[in-house]
């Protein structure tokens, strides 16, 4: 099973907004919209490969997703 990062947008923003405002990155199972922390995310949200985790490209990142990802032994 693979993982990916999926964006959560600021209140009122979406991936189709002009210049959507990224609030935080979450970790999800690949192709899924529920983050490891339980947050439901927009299916059209920006995604990045899991290899972006821990890099500036994934900042800011959900701490709870990070903890769960590490506990799974994949990070």
C-alpha atoms as a PDB file:
ATOM      1  CA  UNK A   1       0.000   0.000   0.000  1.00  0.00           C
ATOM      2  CA  UNK A   2       1.315   3.432  -0.881  1.00  0.00           C
ATOM      3  CA  UNK A   3       0.867   6.805   0.748  1.00  0.00           C
ATOM      4  CA  UNK A   4       0.647  10.370  -0.482  1.00  0.00           C
ATOM      5  CA  UNK A   5       0.390  13.863   0.908  1.00  0.00           C
ATOM      6  CA  UNK A   6      -2.909  15.664   0.342  1.00  0.00           C
ATOM      7  CA  UNK A   7      -3.532  19.361   0.927  1.00  0.00           C
ATOM      8  CA  UNK A   8      -6.072  20.884   3.283  1.00  0.00           C
ATOM      9  CA  UNK A   9      -7.128  24.383   2.300  1.00  0.00           C
ATOM     10  CA  UNK A  10      -7.996  27.392   4.431  1.00  0.00           C
ATOM     11  CA  UNK A  11     -11.650  27.997   5.279  1.00  0.00           C
ATOM     12  CA  UNK A  12     -13.566  28.943   2.139  1.00  0.00           C
ATOM     13  CA  UNK A  13     -10.722  28.030  -0.249  1.00  0.00           C
ATOM     14  CA  UNK A  14     -10.605  25.055  -2.610  1.00  0.00           C
ATOM     15  CA  UNK A  15      -8.310  23.651  -5.290  1.00  0.00           C
ATOM     16  CA  UNK A  16     -10.423  25.416  -7.915  1.00  0.00           C
ATOM     17  CA  UNK A  17     -10.173  28.829  -6.220  1.00  0.00           C
ATOM     18  CA  UNK A  18      -7.946  31.440  -7.767  1.00  0.00           C
ATOM     19  CA  UNK A  19      -4.753  30.930  -5.764  1.00  0.00           C
ATOM     20  CA  UNK A  20      -6.070  28.428  -3.195  1.00  0.00           C
ATOM     21  CA  UNK A  21      -4.629  28.960   0.249  1.00  0.00           C
ATOM     22  CA  UNK A  22      -2.940  25.871   1.604  1.00  0.00           C
ATOM     23  CA  UNK A  23      -3.495  25.398   5.323  1.00  0.00           C
ATOM     24  CA  UNK A  24      -1.622  22.146   5.994  1.00  0.00           C
ATOM     25  CA  UNK A  25      -0.467  18.891   4.374  1.00  0.00           C
ATOM     26  CA  UNK A  26      -1.809  15.529   5.570  1.00  0.00           C
ATOM     27  CA  UNK A  27      -0.728  11.937   4.908  1.00  0.00           C
ATOM     28  CA  UNK A  28      -3.301   9.640   3.287  1.00  0.00           C
ATOM     29  CA  UNK A  29      -3.400   6.182   1.821  1.00  0.00           C
ATOM     30  CA  UNK A  30      -2.719   6.623  -1.881  1.00  0.00           C
ATOM     31  CA  UNK A  31      -5.864   7.807  -3.700  1.00  0.00           C
ATOM     32  CA  UNK A  32      -7.861   8.245  -0.479  1.00  0.00           C
ATOM     33  CA  UNK A  33      -9.367  11.424   0.956  1.00  0.00           C
ATOM     34  CA  UNK A  34      -9.289  10.598   4.666  1.00  0.00           C
ATOM     35  CA  UNK A  35      -6.012  11.523   6.317  1.00  0.00           C
ATOM     36  CA  UNK A  36      -4.273   9.271   8.829  1.00  0.00           C
ATOM     37  CA  UNK A  37      -5.431  11.735  11.510  1.00  0.00           C
ATOM     38  CA  UNK A  38      -9.072  11.284  10.436  1.00  0.00           C
ATOM     39  CA  UNK A  39      -9.489  14.620   8.624  1.00  0.00           C
ATOM     40  CA  UNK A  40     -11.633  14.379   5.459  1.00  0.00           C
ATOM     41  CA  UNK A  41     -10.016  16.174   2.520  1.00  0.00           C
ATOM     42  CA  UNK A  42     -11.196  17.453  -0.849  1.00  0.00           C
ATOM     43  CA  UNK A  43     -10.888  14.716  -3.516  1.00  0.00           C
ATOM     44  CA  UNK A  44      -9.560  17.374  -5.919  1.00  0.00           C
ATOM     45  CA  UNK A  45      -6.924  18.619  -3.446  1.00  0.00           C
ATOM     46  CA  UNK A  46      -3.305  18.890  -4.513  1.00  0.00           C
ATOM     47  CA  UNK A  47      -1.224  15.809  -3.777  1.00  0.00           C
ATOM     48  CA  UNK A  48       2.477  15.038  -3.480  1.00  0.00           C
ATOM     49  CA  UNK A  49       4.315  11.721  -3.236  1.00  0.00           C
ATOM     50  CA  UNK A  50       5.018  10.472   0.275  1.00  0.00           C
ATOM     51  CA  UNK A  51       8.725  11.098  -0.349  1.00  0.00           C
ATOM     52  CA  UNK A  52       8.007  14.837   0.053  1.00  0.00           C
ATOM     53  CA  UNK A  53       7.297  14.223   3.752  1.00  0.00           C
ATOM     54  CA  UNK A  54       9.971  15.828   5.919  1.00  0.00           C
ATOM     55  CA  UNK A  55      11.016  18.290   3.210  1.00  0.00           C
ATOM     56  CA  UNK A  56      10.205  21.994   2.824  1.00  0.00           C
ATOM     57  CA  UNK A  57       7.704  21.043   0.075  1.00  0.00           C
ATOM     58  CA  UNK A  58       5.488  19.468   2.762  1.00  0.00           C
ATOM     59  CA  UNK A  59       5.583  22.350   5.215  1.00  0.00           C
ATOM     60  CA  UNK A  60       3.422  22.823   7.233  1.00  0.00           C
ATOM     61  CA  UNK A  61       2.598  19.182   7.922  1.00  0.00           C
ATOM     62  CA  UNK A  62      -0.037  17.683  10.242  1.00  0.00           C
ATOM     63  CA  UNK A  63       1.753  16.450  13.361  1.00  0.00           C
ATOM     64  CA  UNK A  64      -0.818  13.761  14.086  1.00  0.00           C
ATOM     65  CA  UNK A  65      -0.447  12.329  10.568  1.00  0.00           C
ATOM     66  CA  UNK A  66       3.329  12.367  11.017  1.00  0.00           C
ATOM     67  CA  UNK A  67       3.152  10.466  14.315  1.00  0.00           C
ATOM     68  CA  UNK A  68       0.782   7.868  12.871  1.00  0.00           C
ATOM     69  CA  UNK A  69       2.940   7.497   9.755  1.00  0.00           C
ATOM     70  CA  UNK A  70       6.052   6.883  11.872  1.00  0.00           C
ATOM     71  CA  UNK A  71       4.226   4.391  14.085  1.00  0.00           C
ATOM     72  CA  UNK A  72       3.324   2.402  10.981  1.00  0.00           C
ATOM     73  CA  UNK A  73       7.051   2.002  10.357  1.00  0.00           C
ATOM     74  CA  UNK A  74       7.025   3.440   6.851  1.00  0.00           C
ATOM     75  CA  UNK A  75       8.447   6.916   7.400  1.00  0.00           C
END
